[in-house]
Amino acid sequence: MSDRDAYVEKMKARIDQWNADLAQLEARSREAEADMRAKYDEQIKELREDRERAEERLKELQQASEDSWKRLRDGMESAWDEMAKAFREAWERFR
C-alpha cells in the first residue's frame, strides 16, 4: 500500500468517526429544549458543511498526481485540525 493509499484510508476513517459524532450530536439536539435546539442545529449544520468540504478535499487528494498529493496532504492536515477543533467545541457546548 502506498503512502497516499494509507493516508486516504486514515482520512476515510476520520470522516466515518465524524459521521458517528454528528449522529450523536443530532440525537442530543432532538432531546434539547426548543431554544437550545435551534443553536445546536445551527452548529450541526456548520459541522456538516465542514465535513463535506473535507470529503471534497479527500477526493481531490485521491485524484492528484503523485507529485502534488503531498502538497495537498499538508493543506488537508490543516483542514482536519480545524474540523477536529470544531467538533471538540460543539461537544463542549452540548454538555
C-alpha atoms as a PDB file:
ATOM      1  CA  MET A   1       0.000   0.000   0.000  1.00  0.00           C
ATOM      2  CA  SER A   2       1.410   3.379  -0.970  1.00  0.00           C
ATOM      3  CA  ASP A   3       1.715   6.309   1.425  1.00  0.00           C
ATOM      4  CA  ARG A   4      -1.148   8.014  -0.358  1.00  0.00           C
ATOM      5  CA  ASP A   5      -3.419   4.974  -0.088  1.00  0.00           C
ATOM      6  CA  ALA A   6      -2.653   4.617   3.606  1.00  0.00           C
ATOM      7  CA  TYR A   7      -3.323   8.309   4.157  1.00  0.00           C
ATOM      8  CA  VAL A   8      -6.616   8.144   2.252  1.00  0.00           C
ATOM      9  CA  GLU A   9      -7.734   5.182   4.377  1.00  0.00           C
ATOM     10  CA  LYS A  10      -6.818   7.089   7.534  1.00  0.00           C
ATOM     11  CA  MET A  11      -8.848  10.107   6.393  1.00  0.00           C
ATOM     12  CA  LYS A  12     -11.817   7.926   5.458  1.00  0.00           C
ATOM     13  CA  ALA A  13     -11.752   6.510   8.985  1.00  0.00           C
ATOM     14  CA  ARG A  14     -11.741  10.039  10.407  1.00  0.00           C
ATOM     15  CA  ILE A  15     -14.733  11.004   8.282  1.00  0.00           C
ATOM     16  CA  ASP A  16     -16.555   7.874   9.427  1.00  0.00           C
ATOM     17  CA  GLN A  17     -15.872   8.856  13.042  1.00  0.00           C
ATOM     18  CA  TRP A  18     -17.103  12.396  12.390  1.00  0.00           C
ATOM     19  CA  ASN A  19     -20.270  10.966  10.876  1.00  0.00           C
ATOM     20  CA  ALA A  20     -20.833   8.948  14.043  1.00  0.00           C
ATOM     21  CA  ASP A  21     -20.127  12.035  16.182  1.00  0.00           C
ATOM     22  CA  LEU A  22     -22.590  14.063  14.123  1.00  0.00           C
ATOM     23  CA  ALA A  23     -25.256  11.413  14.663  1.00  0.00           C
ATOM     24  CA  GLN A  24     -24.703  11.643  18.418  1.00  0.00           C
ATOM     25  CA  LEU A  25     -24.911  15.429  18.338  1.00  0.00           C
ATOM     26  CA  GLU A  26     -28.117  15.238  16.326  1.00  0.00           C
ATOM     27  CA  ALA A  27     -29.616  12.867  18.902  1.00  0.00           C
ATOM     28  CA  ARG A  28     -28.722  15.272  21.706  1.00  0.00           C
ATOM     29  CA  SER A  29     -30.208  18.149  19.740  1.00  0.00           C
ATOM     30  CA  ARG A  30     -33.525  16.333  19.441  1.00  0.00           C
ATOM     31  CA  GLU A  31     -33.615  15.999  23.248  1.00  0.00           C
ATOM     32  CA  ALA A  32     -32.851  19.676  23.898  1.00  0.00           C
ATOM     33  CA  GLU A  33     -35.299  22.417  24.717  1.00  0.00           C
ATOM     34  CA  ALA A  34     -36.615  24.336  21.701  1.00  0.00           C
ATOM     35  CA  ASP A  35     -34.460  27.438  22.199  1.00  0.00           C
ATOM     36  CA  MET A  36     -31.282  25.395  22.576  1.00  0.00           C
ATOM     37  CA  ARG A  37     -32.241  23.072  19.731  1.00  0.00           C
ATOM     38  CA  ALA A  38     -32.001  25.938  17.246  1.00  0.00           C
ATOM     39  CA  LYS A  39     -28.450  26.702  18.400  1.00  0.00           C
ATOM     40  CA  TYR A  40     -27.487  23.035  18.250  1.00  0.00           C
ATOM     41  CA  ASP A  41     -28.993  22.623  14.812  1.00  0.00           C
ATOM     42  CA  GLU A  42     -27.005  25.594  13.514  1.00  0.00           C
ATOM     43  CA  GLN A  43     -23.794  24.126  14.931  1.00  0.00           C
ATOM     44  CA  ILE A  44     -24.590  20.739  13.395  1.00  0.00           C
ATOM     45  CA  LYS A  45     -25.248  22.397  10.029  1.00  0.00           C
ATOM     46  CA  GLU A  46     -21.828  24.051  10.153  1.00  0.00           C
ATOM     47  CA  LEU A  47     -20.164  20.763  11.098  1.00  0.00           C
ATOM     48  CA  ARG A  48     -21.866  19.006   8.179  1.00  0.00           C
ATOM     49  CA  GLU A  49     -20.604  21.692   5.803  1.00  0.00           C
ATOM     50  CA  ASP A  50     -17.083  21.299   7.198  1.00  0.00           C
ATOM     51  CA  ARG A  51     -17.319  17.529   6.780  1.00  0.00           C
ATOM     52  CA  GLU A  52     -18.478  17.925   3.182  1.00  0.00           C
ATOM     53  CA  ARG A  53     -15.522  20.210   2.432  1.00  0.00           C
ATOM     54  CA  ALA A  54     -13.196  17.640   3.971  1.00  0.00           C
ATOM     55  CA  GLU A  55     -14.730  14.918   1.800  1.00  0.00           C
ATOM     56  CA  GLU A  56     -14.193  17.077  -1.293  1.00  0.00           C
ATOM     57  CA  ARG A  57     -10.558  17.651  -0.360  1.00  0.00           C
ATOM     58  CA  LEU A  58     -10.133  13.924   0.113  1.00  0.00           C
ATOM     59  CA  LYS A  59     -11.485  13.321  -3.390  1.00  0.00           C
ATOM     60  CA  GLU A  60      -9.045  15.893  -4.757  1.00  0.00           C
ATOM     61  CA  LEU A  61      -6.204  14.171  -2.961  1.00  0.00           C
ATOM     62  CA  GLN A  62      -7.208  10.784  -4.381  1.00  0.00           C
ATOM     63  CA  GLN A  63      -7.186  12.190  -7.915  1.00  0.00           C
ATOM     64  CA  ALA A  64      -3.985  14.207  -7.545  1.00  0.00           C
ATOM     65  CA  SER A  65      -0.791  13.287  -9.286  1.00  0.00           C
ATOM     66  CA  GLU A  66       1.938  11.629  -7.277  1.00  0.00           C
ATOM     67  CA  ASP A  67       3.887  14.893  -7.195  1.00  0.00           C
ATOM     68  CA  SER A  68       1.065  17.074  -5.957  1.00  0.00           C
ATOM     69  CA  TRP A  69      -0.660  14.823  -3.423  1.00  0.00           C
ATOM     70  CA  LYS A  70       1.883  15.580  -0.689  1.00  0.00           C
ATOM     71  CA  ARG A  71       1.245  19.300  -1.087  1.00  0.00           C
ATOM     72  CA  LEU A  72      -2.487  18.675  -0.919  1.00  0.00           C
ATOM     73  CA  ARG A  73      -1.971  16.486   2.151  1.00  0.00           C
ATOM     74  CA  ASP A  74      -0.429  19.401   4.015  1.00  0.00           C
ATOM     75  CA  GLY A  75      -3.476  21.534   3.254  1.00  0.00           C
ATOM     76  CA  MET A  76      -5.755  18.720   4.339  1.00  0.00           C
ATOM     77  CA  GLU A  77      -3.992  18.386   7.667  1.00  0.00           C
ATOM     78  CA  SER A  78      -4.866  21.988   8.401  1.00  0.00           C
ATOM     79  CA  ALA A  79      -8.490  21.384   7.431  1.00  0.00           C
ATOM     80  CA  TRP A  80      -8.651  18.226   9.578  1.00  0.00           C
ATOM     81  CA  ASP A  81      -7.266  20.127  12.561  1.00  0.00           C
ATOM     82  CA  GLU A  82      -9.930  22.809  12.146  1.00  0.00           C
ATOM     83  CA  MET A  83     -12.662  20.182  11.853  1.00  0.00           C
ATOM     84  CA  ALA A  84     -11.463  18.361  14.960  1.00  0.00           C
ATOM     85  CA  LYS A  85     -11.417  21.639  16.860  1.00  0.00           C
ATOM     86  CA  ALA A  86     -14.971  22.430  15.719  1.00  0.00           C
ATOM     87  CA  PHE A  87     -16.162  19.023  16.942  1.00  0.00           C
ATOM     88  CA  ARG A  88     -14.485  19.488  20.323  1.00  0.00           C
ATOM     89  CA  GLU A  89     -16.104  22.893  20.703  1.00  0.00           C
ATOM     90  CA  ALA A  90     -19.505  21.511  19.717  1.00  0.00           C
ATOM     91  CA  TRP A  91     -19.233  18.722  22.287  1.00  0.00           C
ATOM     92  CA  GLU A  92     -18.396  21.306  24.941  1.00  0.00           C
ATOM     93  CA  ARG A  93     -21.496  23.314  24.049  1.00  0.00           C
ATOM     94  CA  PHE A  94     -23.690  20.217  24.075  1.00  0.00           C
ATOM     95  CA  ARG A  95     -22.715  19.242  27.608  1.00  0.00           C
END
